């Protein structure tokens, strides 16, 4: 068994469950809420490609020690989106949180804030991570602002970092939270959840 093991994380608003192939139909419906695949600076699958997306995520778990989650609304069980731990470096106790997306109707509420609180709590408190990274496309200004609101600090920009499926070269903005910063970040996230 690797450093990161399958776990369900539960909060007041959301429940994060390990991703499974059986989630494909619900995920296809979720990406259709807002036609998320049309956002050119993200890699969200079209409904007909959801099964392949899940299969790639599960291969990443098996081969690289990652862990993908579906995010469900706690009260209804409705699938809201997806996120994962990946870029796992067990030796240095580092990981990245990413591949995160939410159906359009769930993007303005407590869901992402609580999901990040759950993921970060597990990373720093259960896994004893030294650092957690977040990366996003330079042009994804909404994602950059959301990561900064978490309390992550921008480490820098990897210019000409990756080529997207359509051939466009991406500059990647790298953020991180390190273990000594976690208590203040946790307090900030809890405060934001109380504010609604």
N, C-alpha and C. Protein backbone atom coordinates (compact mmCIF):
# COMPACT_ATOMS: atom_id res chain seq x y z
N UNK A 1 0.85 -1.20 0.00
CA UNK A 1 0.00 0.00 0.00
C UNK A 1 0.88 1.25 0.00
N UNK A 2 0.46 2.28 -0.72
CA UNK A 2 1.21 3.52 -0.79
C UNK A 2 0.87 4.45 0.37
N UNK A 3 1.43 5.62 0.29
CA UNK A 3 1.23 6.66 1.30
C UNK A 3 -0.23 7.09 1.36
N UNK A 4 -0.85 7.26 0.20
CA UNK A 4 -2.23 7.72 0.14
C UNK A 4 -3.13 6.53 -0.10
N UNK A 5 -4.05 6.31 0.80
CA UNK A 5 -4.98 5.18 0.70
C UNK A 5 -6.40 5.71 0.51
N UNK A 6 -7.24 4.89 -0.10
CA UNK A 6 -8.63 5.28 -0.34
C UNK A 6 -9.31 5.62 0.97
N UNK A 7 -10.00 6.74 0.97
CA UNK A 7 -10.68 7.23 2.17
C UNK A 7 -11.87 8.07 1.72
N UNK A 8 -12.92 8.09 2.53
CA UNK A 8 -14.05 8.99 2.31
C UNK A 8 -13.93 10.12 3.32
N UNK A 9 -14.05 11.35 2.85
CA UNK A 9 -13.94 12.53 3.71
C UNK A 9 -15.30 13.20 3.76
N UNK A 10 -15.80 13.45 4.98
CA UNK A 10 -17.14 14.00 5.12
C UNK A 10 -17.14 15.31 5.88
N UNK A 11 -17.93 16.25 5.37
CA UNK A 11 -18.13 17.52 6.03
C UNK A 11 -19.61 17.78 6.19
N UNK A 12 -19.95 19.02 6.48
CA UNK A 12 -21.35 19.40 6.64
C UNK A 12 -22.05 19.52 5.28
N UNK A 13 -21.33 20.02 4.29
CA UNK A 13 -21.92 20.31 2.98
C UNK A 13 -21.57 19.28 1.91
N UNK A 14 -20.37 18.68 2.01
CA UNK A 14 -19.92 17.76 0.97
C UNK A 14 -19.36 16.47 1.57
N UNK A 15 -19.35 15.47 0.72
CA UNK A 15 -18.72 14.19 1.02
C UNK A 15 -17.84 13.84 -0.17
N UNK A 16 -16.58 13.55 0.09
CA UNK A 16 -15.64 13.17 -0.97
C UNK A 16 -15.46 11.66 -0.91
N UNK A 17 -15.83 11.00 -2.00
CA UNK A 17 -15.76 9.54 -2.09
C UNK A 17 -14.78 9.15 -3.18
N UNK A 18 -14.04 8.06 -3.01
CA UNK A 18 -13.15 7.61 -4.08
C UNK A 18 -13.92 7.42 -5.39
N UNK A 19 -13.35 7.93 -6.46
CA UNK A 19 -13.94 7.84 -7.79
C UNK A 19 -14.01 6.38 -8.24
N UNK A 20 -15.10 6.01 -8.90
CA UNK A 20 -15.28 4.65 -9.42
C UNK A 20 -15.92 4.73 -10.81
N UNK A 21 -15.73 3.68 -11.59
CA UNK A 21 -16.34 3.63 -12.93
C UNK A 21 -17.86 3.77 -12.85
N UNK A 22 -18.45 3.31 -11.76
CA UNK A 22 -19.90 3.40 -11.60
C UNK A 22 -20.39 4.85 -11.47
N UNK A 23 -19.49 5.81 -11.33
CA UNK A 23 -19.87 7.23 -11.25
C UNK A 23 -20.04 7.88 -12.62
N UNK A 24 -19.79 7.14 -13.69
CA UNK A 24 -19.73 7.73 -15.03
C UNK A 24 -21.02 8.45 -15.44
N UNK A 25 -22.17 7.84 -15.25
CA UNK A 25 -23.42 8.46 -15.70
C UNK A 25 -23.69 9.76 -14.96
N UNK A 26 -23.48 9.75 -13.64
CA UNK A 26 -23.70 10.98 -12.86
C UNK A 26 -22.68 12.06 -13.24
N UNK A 27 -21.45 11.64 -13.52
CA UNK A 27 -20.44 12.61 -13.90
C UNK A 27 -20.75 13.23 -15.25
N UNK A 28 -21.26 12.44 -16.19
CA UNK A 28 -21.64 12.97 -17.49
C UNK A 28 -22.74 14.01 -17.35
N UNK A 29 -23.66 13.76 -16.45
CA UNK A 29 -24.72 14.74 -16.20
C UNK A 29 -24.14 16.00 -15.56
N UNK A 30 -23.17 15.85 -14.66
CA UNK A 30 -22.58 17.01 -13.96
C UNK A 30 -21.80 17.90 -14.93
N UNK A 31 -21.01 17.31 -15.84
CA UNK A 31 -20.25 18.15 -16.77
C UNK A 31 -21.17 18.86 -17.76
N UNK A 32 -22.36 18.32 -17.96
CA UNK A 32 -23.33 18.95 -18.86
C UNK A 32 -23.96 20.20 -18.24
N UNK A 33 -23.91 20.31 -16.90
CA UNK A 33 -24.42 21.48 -16.19
C UNK A 33 -23.40 22.61 -16.38
N UNK A 34 -23.59 23.38 -17.42
CA UNK A 34 -22.68 24.47 -17.73
C UNK A 34 -21.75 24.18 -18.90
N UNK A 35 -21.90 23.00 -19.53
CA UNK A 35 -21.07 22.62 -20.67
C UNK A 35 -19.59 22.89 -20.36
N UNK A 36 -19.12 22.30 -19.27
CA UNK A 36 -17.81 22.61 -18.73
C UNK A 36 -16.66 22.31 -19.68
N UNK A 37 -16.83 21.36 -20.57
CA UNK A 37 -15.76 20.99 -21.50
C UNK A 37 -15.44 22.12 -22.47
N UNK A 38 -16.30 23.13 -22.57
CA UNK A 38 -16.06 24.24 -23.48
C UNK A 38 -15.07 25.27 -22.93
N UNK A 39 -14.71 25.16 -21.65
CA UNK A 39 -13.71 26.07 -21.08
C UNK A 39 -12.34 25.67 -21.64
N UNK A 40 -11.80 26.47 -22.52
CA UNK A 40 -10.60 26.08 -23.27
C UNK A 40 -9.37 25.91 -22.38
N UNK A 41 -9.35 26.52 -21.20
CA UNK A 41 -8.16 26.47 -20.33
C UNK A 41 -8.26 25.38 -19.27
N UNK A 42 -9.20 24.47 -19.40
CA UNK A 42 -9.32 23.35 -18.47
C UNK A 42 -9.33 22.04 -19.26
N UNK A 43 -9.28 20.94 -18.54
CA UNK A 43 -9.34 19.63 -19.23
C UNK A 43 -10.47 18.80 -18.64
N UNK A 44 -11.68 19.31 -18.78
CA UNK A 44 -12.88 18.65 -18.30
C UNK A 44 -13.47 17.86 -19.48
N UNK A 45 -13.84 16.60 -19.25
CA UNK A 45 -14.27 15.77 -20.38
C UNK A 45 -15.67 16.12 -20.88
N UNK A 46 -15.88 15.86 -22.16
CA UNK A 46 -17.23 15.88 -22.71
C UNK A 46 -17.99 14.71 -22.11
N UNK A 47 -19.32 14.76 -22.07
CA UNK A 47 -20.08 13.66 -21.47
C UNK A 47 -19.73 12.29 -22.05
N UNK A 48 -19.50 12.23 -23.35
CA UNK A 48 -19.21 10.94 -23.98
C UNK A 48 -17.79 10.44 -23.69
N UNK A 49 -16.95 11.27 -23.07
CA UNK A 49 -15.57 10.89 -22.75
C UNK A 49 -15.34 10.67 -21.26
N UNK A 50 -16.41 10.72 -20.47
CA UNK A 50 -16.28 10.60 -19.02
C UNK A 50 -15.69 9.25 -18.60
N UNK A 51 -16.12 8.17 -19.21
CA UNK A 51 -15.60 6.85 -18.82
C UNK A 51 -14.09 6.77 -19.04
N UNK A 52 -13.60 7.31 -20.15
CA UNK A 52 -12.16 7.31 -20.41
C UNK A 52 -11.43 8.19 -19.39
N UNK A 53 -12.04 9.31 -19.02
CA UNK A 53 -11.48 10.20 -17.99
C UNK A 53 -11.33 9.45 -16.66
N UNK A 54 -12.37 8.72 -16.29
CA UNK A 54 -12.33 7.95 -15.04
C UNK A 54 -11.26 6.87 -15.12
N UNK A 55 -11.18 6.18 -16.25
CA UNK A 55 -10.18 5.12 -16.42
C UNK A 55 -8.76 5.68 -16.28
N UNK A 56 -8.51 6.87 -16.86
CA UNK A 56 -7.18 7.49 -16.73
C UNK A 56 -6.89 7.84 -15.27
N UNK A 57 -7.89 8.37 -14.56
CA UNK A 57 -7.71 8.71 -13.15
C UNK A 57 -7.40 7.47 -12.32
N UNK A 58 -8.08 6.38 -12.61
CA UNK A 58 -7.85 5.14 -11.86
C UNK A 58 -6.47 4.54 -12.18
N UNK A 59 -6.02 4.71 -13.44
CA UNK A 59 -4.66 4.27 -13.79
C UNK A 59 -3.62 5.10 -13.05
N UNK A 60 -3.89 6.41 -12.92
CA UNK A 60 -2.99 7.28 -12.18
C UNK A 60 -2.90 6.84 -10.72
N UNK A 61 -4.01 6.39 -10.16
CA UNK A 61 -4.00 5.86 -8.78
C UNK A 61 -3.12 4.63 -8.70
N UNK A 62 -3.33 3.71 -9.60
CA UNK A 62 -2.61 2.44 -9.57
C UNK A 62 -1.12 2.64 -9.83
N UNK A 63 -0.77 3.48 -10.80
CA UNK A 63 0.62 3.60 -11.23
C UNK A 63 1.42 4.67 -10.47
N UNK A 64 0.72 5.70 -9.95
CA UNK A 64 1.44 6.84 -9.38
C UNK A 64 1.04 7.17 -7.94
N UNK A 65 0.15 6.39 -7.34
CA UNK A 65 -0.23 6.64 -5.95
C UNK A 65 -1.20 7.78 -5.75
N UNK A 66 -1.85 8.23 -6.81
CA UNK A 66 -2.83 9.32 -6.71
C UNK A 66 -4.13 8.79 -6.07
N UNK A 67 -5.05 9.70 -5.79
CA UNK A 67 -6.38 9.32 -5.30
C UNK A 67 -7.39 10.34 -5.82
N UNK A 68 -8.30 9.86 -6.68
CA UNK A 68 -9.34 10.72 -7.25
C UNK A 68 -10.62 10.56 -6.45
N UNK A 69 -11.34 11.67 -6.31
CA UNK A 69 -12.60 11.71 -5.56
C UNK A 69 -13.72 12.27 -6.43
N UNK A 70 -14.94 11.81 -6.17
CA UNK A 70 -16.11 12.58 -6.59
C UNK A 70 -16.54 13.40 -5.38
N UNK A 71 -17.05 14.59 -5.66
CA UNK A 71 -17.55 15.47 -4.61
C UNK A 71 -19.07 15.41 -4.67
N UNK A 72 -19.67 14.99 -3.57
CA UNK A 72 -21.13 14.88 -3.51
C UNK A 72 -21.70 15.86 -2.50
N UNK A 73 -22.88 16.38 -2.81
CA UNK A 73 -23.59 17.20 -1.84
C UNK A 73 -24.02 16.29 -0.69
N UNK A 74 -23.69 16.68 0.52
CA UNK A 74 -23.96 15.82 1.67
C UNK A 74 -25.46 15.56 1.85
N UNK A 75 -26.27 16.60 1.67
CA UNK A 75 -27.70 16.45 1.95
C UNK A 75 -28.44 15.60 0.92
N UNK A 76 -28.06 15.70 -0.36
CA UNK A 76 -28.81 15.02 -1.43
C UNK A 76 -28.06 13.83 -2.04
N UNK A 77 -26.75 13.79 -1.88
CA UNK A 77 -25.95 12.76 -2.54
C UNK A 77 -25.64 13.07 -3.99
N UNK A 78 -26.11 14.22 -4.50
CA UNK A 78 -25.91 14.61 -5.89
C UNK A 78 -24.42 14.82 -6.17
N UNK A 79 -23.94 14.30 -7.29
CA UNK A 79 -22.55 14.49 -7.69
C UNK A 79 -22.36 15.92 -8.17
N UNK A 80 -21.45 16.64 -7.48
CA UNK A 80 -21.21 18.05 -7.79
C UNK A 80 -19.98 18.25 -8.66
N UNK A 81 -19.00 17.34 -8.53
CA UNK A 81 -17.78 17.52 -9.29
C UNK A 81 -16.76 16.47 -8.94
N UNK A 82 -15.51 16.81 -9.17
CA UNK A 82 -14.42 15.85 -9.06
C UNK A 82 -13.17 16.59 -8.61
N UNK A 83 -12.28 15.90 -7.89
CA UNK A 83 -10.99 16.45 -7.48
C UNK A 83 -10.06 15.29 -7.19
N UNK A 84 -8.75 15.57 -7.03
CA UNK A 84 -7.86 14.46 -6.71
C UNK A 84 -6.55 14.93 -6.07
N UNK A 85 -5.96 14.00 -5.34
CA UNK A 85 -4.57 14.08 -4.92
C UNK A 85 -3.76 13.45 -6.04
N UNK A 86 -2.68 14.09 -6.45
CA UNK A 86 -1.81 13.48 -7.46
C UNK A 86 -0.43 14.12 -7.36
N UNK A 87 0.46 13.84 -8.30
CA UNK A 87 1.86 14.29 -8.23
C UNK A 87 2.41 13.96 -6.85
N UNK A 88 2.16 12.74 -6.44
CA UNK A 88 2.49 12.28 -5.10
C UNK A 88 3.99 12.01 -4.98
N UNK A 89 4.61 12.64 -4.00
CA UNK A 89 6.03 12.44 -3.71
C UNK A 89 6.11 11.98 -2.25
N UNK A 90 5.98 10.66 -2.05
CA UNK A 90 5.93 10.11 -0.70
C UNK A 90 7.23 10.38 0.06
N UNK A 91 8.37 10.26 -0.61
CA UNK A 91 9.66 10.47 0.04
C UNK A 91 9.75 11.85 0.67
N UNK A 92 9.29 12.86 -0.05
CA UNK A 92 9.37 14.24 0.43
C UNK A 92 8.06 14.73 1.03
N UNK A 93 7.08 13.84 1.15
CA UNK A 93 5.78 14.14 1.75
C UNK A 93 5.13 15.37 1.13
N UNK A 94 5.07 15.35 -0.19
CA UNK A 94 4.43 16.43 -0.96
C UNK A 94 3.38 15.82 -1.88
N UNK A 95 2.38 16.58 -2.18
CA UNK A 95 1.38 16.16 -3.15
C UNK A 95 0.72 17.39 -3.73
N UNK A 96 -0.03 17.17 -4.79
CA UNK A 96 -0.76 18.25 -5.43
C UNK A 96 -2.25 17.94 -5.35
N UNK A 97 -3.05 18.98 -5.19
CA UNK A 97 -4.50 18.87 -5.29
C UNK A 97 -4.90 19.54 -6.60
N UNK A 98 -5.64 18.82 -7.42
CA UNK A 98 -6.04 19.40 -8.69
C UNK A 98 -7.02 18.52 -9.43
N UNK A 99 -7.09 18.73 -10.76
CA UNK A 99 -8.11 18.06 -11.58
C UNK A 99 -9.49 18.33 -10.97
N UNK A 100 -9.64 19.54 -10.45
CA UNK A 100 -10.86 19.90 -9.72
C UNK A 100 -11.81 20.65 -10.64
N UNK A 101 -13.06 20.23 -10.63
CA UNK A 101 -14.11 20.96 -11.35
C UNK A 101 -15.44 20.70 -10.65
N UNK A 102 -16.36 21.65 -10.83
CA UNK A 102 -17.71 21.55 -10.25
C UNK A 102 -18.73 21.91 -11.31
N UNK A 103 -19.87 21.23 -11.26
CA UNK A 103 -20.98 21.62 -12.14
C UNK A 103 -21.25 23.11 -11.95
N UNK A 104 -21.71 23.79 -12.98
CA UNK A 104 -21.88 25.24 -12.93
C UNK A 104 -22.78 25.67 -11.78
N UNK A 105 -23.85 24.92 -11.53
CA UNK A 105 -24.80 25.32 -10.49
C UNK A 105 -24.25 25.15 -9.08
N UNK A 106 -23.07 24.54 -8.92
CA UNK A 106 -22.48 24.35 -7.59
C UNK A 106 -21.23 25.20 -7.39
N UNK A 107 -20.96 26.11 -8.31
CA UNK A 107 -19.70 26.85 -8.25
C UNK A 107 -19.74 28.05 -7.32
N UNK A 108 -20.86 28.48 -6.90
CA UNK A 108 -20.94 29.63 -5.99
C UNK A 108 -21.63 29.20 -4.71
N UNK A 109 -20.90 28.59 -3.83
CA UNK A 109 -21.46 28.10 -2.58
C UNK A 109 -20.34 27.57 -1.71
N UNK A 110 -20.68 26.85 -0.67
CA UNK A 110 -19.68 26.38 0.28
C UNK A 110 -18.94 25.12 -0.15
N UNK A 111 -19.31 24.55 -1.29
CA UNK A 111 -18.83 23.21 -1.65
C UNK A 111 -17.32 23.12 -1.84
N UNK A 112 -16.76 23.99 -2.68
CA UNK A 112 -15.31 23.92 -2.92
C UNK A 112 -14.52 24.28 -1.67
N UNK A 113 -14.98 25.27 -0.93
CA UNK A 113 -14.27 25.67 0.29
C UNK A 113 -14.20 24.50 1.26
N UNK A 114 -15.33 23.82 1.47
CA UNK A 114 -15.32 22.71 2.41
C UNK A 114 -14.53 21.52 1.86
N UNK A 115 -14.62 21.27 0.57
CA UNK A 115 -13.84 20.17 -0.03
C UNK A 115 -12.35 20.42 0.17
N UNK A 116 -11.91 21.66 -0.05
CA UNK A 116 -10.49 21.96 0.16
C UNK A 116 -10.11 21.83 1.63
N UNK A 117 -10.99 22.23 2.53
CA UNK A 117 -10.72 22.06 3.96
C UNK A 117 -10.54 20.58 4.30
N UNK A 118 -11.41 19.74 3.77
CA UNK A 118 -11.30 18.31 4.02
C UNK A 118 -10.02 17.71 3.43
N UNK A 119 -9.71 18.08 2.19
CA UNK A 119 -8.52 17.55 1.53
C UNK A 119 -7.24 18.01 2.22
N UNK A 120 -7.19 19.29 2.57
CA UNK A 120 -5.99 19.82 3.23
C UNK A 120 -5.85 19.27 4.65
N UNK A 121 -6.97 19.14 5.37
CA UNK A 121 -6.91 18.56 6.71
C UNK A 121 -6.35 17.15 6.66
N UNK A 122 -6.84 16.36 5.71
CA UNK A 122 -6.35 14.99 5.59
C UNK A 122 -4.87 14.97 5.21
N UNK A 123 -4.48 15.85 4.27
CA UNK A 123 -3.08 15.89 3.83
C UNK A 123 -2.14 16.27 4.96
N UNK A 124 -2.45 17.34 5.67
CA UNK A 124 -1.53 17.83 6.69
C UNK A 124 -1.64 17.08 8.02
N UNK A 125 -2.84 16.63 8.37
CA UNK A 125 -3.03 16.04 9.69
C UNK A 125 -2.94 14.52 9.69
N UNK A 126 -3.48 13.86 8.68
CA UNK A 126 -3.42 12.40 8.63
C UNK A 126 -2.16 11.92 7.90
N UNK A 127 -1.84 12.56 6.77
CA UNK A 127 -0.70 12.13 5.97
C UNK A 127 0.60 12.81 6.39
N UNK A 128 0.50 13.85 7.21
CA UNK A 128 1.68 14.61 7.66
C UNK A 128 2.47 15.18 6.49
N UNK A 129 1.76 15.70 5.50
CA UNK A 129 2.42 16.31 4.34
C UNK A 129 3.23 17.53 4.77
N UNK A 130 4.36 17.73 4.09
CA UNK A 130 5.18 18.92 4.31
C UNK A 130 4.67 20.09 3.48
N UNK A 131 4.09 19.76 2.31
CA UNK A 131 3.61 20.81 1.42
C UNK A 131 2.54 20.24 0.50
N UNK A 132 1.60 21.10 0.14
CA UNK A 132 0.55 20.76 -0.82
C UNK A 132 0.58 21.83 -1.90
N UNK A 133 0.64 21.39 -3.16
CA UNK A 133 0.68 22.30 -4.30
C UNK A 133 -0.66 22.37 -5.01
N UNK A 134 -0.85 23.49 -5.68
CA UNK A 134 -1.97 23.70 -6.59
C UNK A 134 -1.39 24.32 -7.85
N UNK A 135 -1.84 23.88 -9.00
CA UNK A 135 -1.38 24.46 -10.26
C UNK A 135 -2.59 24.76 -11.13
N UNK A 136 -2.47 25.81 -11.91
CA UNK A 136 -3.57 26.17 -12.80
C UNK A 136 -3.03 26.90 -14.02
N UNK A 137 -3.84 26.95 -15.04
CA UNK A 137 -3.51 27.65 -16.28
C UNK A 137 -3.43 29.15 -15.99
N UNK A 138 -2.45 29.80 -16.59
CA UNK A 138 -2.29 31.26 -16.43
C UNK A 138 -3.59 31.99 -16.76
N UNK A 139 -4.32 31.55 -17.78
CA UNK A 139 -5.53 32.25 -18.20
C UNK A 139 -6.76 31.90 -17.38
N UNK A 140 -6.65 30.96 -16.46
CA UNK A 140 -7.79 30.60 -15.61
C UNK A 140 -7.79 31.51 -14.38
N UNK A 141 -8.19 32.74 -14.60
CA UNK A 141 -8.12 33.75 -13.53
C UNK A 141 -9.05 33.41 -12.37
N UNK A 142 -10.17 32.78 -12.65
CA UNK A 142 -11.09 32.38 -11.58
C UNK A 142 -10.44 31.35 -10.66
N UNK A 143 -9.76 30.38 -11.24
CA UNK A 143 -9.08 29.36 -10.46
C UNK A 143 -7.93 29.97 -9.66
N UNK A 144 -7.16 30.87 -10.28
CA UNK A 144 -6.05 31.52 -9.58
C UNK A 144 -6.56 32.29 -8.36
N UNK A 145 -7.66 33.00 -8.53
CA UNK A 145 -8.21 33.77 -7.41
C UNK A 145 -8.72 32.84 -6.30
N UNK A 146 -9.36 31.73 -6.70
CA UNK A 146 -9.87 30.78 -5.71
C UNK A 146 -8.73 30.14 -4.92
N UNK A 147 -7.64 29.80 -5.59
CA UNK A 147 -6.50 29.20 -4.90
C UNK A 147 -5.89 30.20 -3.92
N UNK A 148 -5.76 31.44 -4.35
CA UNK A 148 -5.21 32.47 -3.46
C UNK A 148 -6.12 32.68 -2.25
N UNK A 149 -7.45 32.63 -2.45
CA UNK A 149 -8.38 32.80 -1.32
C UNK A 149 -8.24 31.69 -0.28
N UNK A 150 -7.78 30.51 -0.72
CA UNK A 150 -7.56 29.43 0.24
C UNK A 150 -6.48 29.80 1.25
N UNK A 151 -5.56 30.65 0.83
CA UNK A 151 -4.41 30.97 1.65
C UNK A 151 -3.12 30.44 1.07
N UNK A 152 -3.18 29.85 -0.13
CA UNK A 152 -1.97 29.37 -0.79
C UNK A 152 -1.17 30.55 -1.31
N UNK A 153 0.13 30.39 -1.32
CA UNK A 153 1.01 31.44 -1.83
C UNK A 153 1.51 31.05 -3.22
N UNK A 154 1.61 32.05 -4.09
CA UNK A 154 2.10 31.78 -5.44
C UNK A 154 3.61 31.59 -5.40
N UNK A 155 4.05 30.43 -5.90
CA UNK A 155 5.48 30.12 -5.95
C UNK A 155 6.12 30.65 -7.23
N UNK A 156 5.36 30.67 -8.30
CA UNK A 156 5.92 31.15 -9.56
C UNK A 156 5.10 30.68 -10.74
N UNK A 157 5.63 30.96 -11.93
CA UNK A 157 4.97 30.59 -13.18
C UNK A 157 5.93 29.74 -13.99
N UNK A 158 5.48 28.56 -14.40
CA UNK A 158 6.25 27.70 -15.29
C UNK A 158 5.85 28.06 -16.72
N UNK A 159 6.70 28.81 -17.39
CA UNK A 159 6.37 29.29 -18.73
C UNK A 159 6.60 28.20 -19.76
N UNK A 160 5.68 28.13 -20.73
CA UNK A 160 5.71 27.08 -21.76
C UNK A 160 5.83 25.71 -21.11
N UNK A 161 4.96 25.46 -20.14
CA UNK A 161 5.06 24.28 -19.30
C UNK A 161 4.46 23.02 -19.94
N UNK A 162 3.29 23.15 -20.56
CA UNK A 162 2.61 21.98 -21.10
C UNK A 162 1.89 22.33 -22.39
N UNK A 163 1.68 21.29 -23.19
CA UNK A 163 0.90 21.45 -24.42
C UNK A 163 -0.47 20.81 -24.18
N UNK A 164 -1.53 21.55 -24.45
CA UNK A 164 -2.88 21.03 -24.26
C UNK A 164 -3.26 20.11 -25.42
N UNK A 165 -4.40 19.46 -25.27
CA UNK A 165 -4.86 18.51 -26.30
C UNK A 165 -5.01 19.18 -27.66
N UNK A 166 -5.34 20.47 -27.69
CA UNK A 166 -5.50 21.17 -28.96
C UNK A 166 -4.20 21.82 -29.45
N UNK A 167 -3.09 21.56 -28.75
CA UNK A 167 -1.79 22.04 -29.19
C UNK A 167 -1.37 23.38 -28.63
N UNK A 168 -2.25 24.05 -27.89
CA UNK A 168 -1.90 25.34 -27.31
C UNK A 168 -0.95 25.13 -26.13
N UNK A 169 0.11 25.92 -26.08
CA UNK A 169 1.09 25.79 -25.00
C UNK A 169 0.63 26.60 -23.80
N UNK A 170 0.71 25.97 -22.65
CA UNK A 170 0.18 26.53 -21.41
C UNK A 170 1.32 27.03 -20.52
N UNK A 171 1.12 28.22 -19.94
CA UNK A 171 1.92 28.68 -18.81
C UNK A 171 1.17 28.25 -17.56
N UNK A 172 1.87 27.64 -16.61
CA UNK A 172 1.26 27.10 -15.40
C UNK A 172 1.64 27.92 -14.18
N UNK A 173 0.65 28.37 -13.42
CA UNK A 173 0.89 29.10 -12.18
C UNK A 173 0.91 28.08 -11.04
N UNK A 174 1.98 28.11 -10.24
CA UNK A 174 2.18 27.17 -9.15
C UNK A 174 1.97 27.89 -7.82
N UNK A 175 1.13 27.30 -6.98
CA UNK A 175 0.88 27.78 -5.62
C UNK A 175 1.19 26.66 -4.65
N UNK A 176 1.43 27.00 -3.40
CA UNK A 176 1.59 25.95 -2.39
C UNK A 176 1.19 26.46 -1.00
N UNK A 177 0.92 25.49 -0.15
CA UNK A 177 0.74 25.71 1.29
C UNK A 177 1.74 24.77 1.94
N UNK A 178 2.53 25.29 2.87
CA UNK A 178 3.48 24.45 3.59
C UNK A 178 2.95 24.19 5.00
N UNK A 179 3.45 23.12 5.60
CA UNK A 179 2.92 22.67 6.89
C UNK A 179 2.84 23.76 7.95
N UNK A 180 3.88 24.63 8.13
CA UNK A 180 3.76 25.66 9.16
C UNK A 180 2.63 26.67 8.91
N UNK A 181 2.19 26.79 7.64
CA UNK A 181 1.10 27.71 7.30
C UNK A 181 -0.27 27.10 7.52
N UNK A 182 -0.34 25.77 7.66
CA UNK A 182 -1.62 25.09 7.71
C UNK A 182 -2.54 25.60 8.82
N UNK A 183 -2.11 25.83 10.07
CA UNK A 183 -3.06 26.29 11.08
C UNK A 183 -3.79 27.58 10.69
N UNK A 184 -3.08 28.55 10.10
CA UNK A 184 -3.73 29.80 9.68
C UNK A 184 -4.65 29.57 8.50
N UNK A 185 -4.23 28.72 7.55
CA UNK A 185 -5.08 28.41 6.40
C UNK A 185 -6.35 27.71 6.87
N UNK A 186 -6.21 26.75 7.79
CA UNK A 186 -7.38 26.04 8.33
C UNK A 186 -8.35 27.02 8.98
N UNK A 187 -7.82 27.93 9.77
CA UNK A 187 -8.68 28.92 10.45
C UNK A 187 -9.40 29.79 9.43
N UNK A 188 -8.69 30.19 8.37
CA UNK A 188 -9.29 31.00 7.31
C UNK A 188 -10.43 30.25 6.63
N UNK A 189 -10.20 28.97 6.29
CA UNK A 189 -11.24 28.19 5.62
C UNK A 189 -12.46 27.99 6.51
N UNK A 190 -12.23 27.70 7.78
CA UNK A 190 -13.35 27.55 8.71
C UNK A 190 -14.15 28.85 8.83
N UNK A 191 -13.45 29.97 8.89
CA UNK A 191 -14.10 31.27 8.98
C UNK A 191 -14.94 31.53 7.74
N UNK A 192 -14.37 31.24 6.56
CA UNK A 192 -15.12 31.45 5.32
C UNK A 192 -16.36 30.59 5.26
N UNK A 193 -16.29 29.36 5.76
CA UNK A 193 -17.48 28.49 5.79
C UNK A 193 -18.54 29.05 6.73
N UNK A 194 -18.14 29.59 7.88
CA UNK A 194 -19.12 30.16 8.82
C UNK A 194 -19.80 31.40 8.24
N UNK A 195 -19.08 32.14 7.40
CA UNK A 195 -19.63 33.35 6.78
C UNK A 195 -20.66 33.02 5.70
N UNK A 196 -20.66 31.75 5.26
CA UNK A 196 -21.64 31.33 4.24
C UNK A 196 -21.13 31.70 2.89
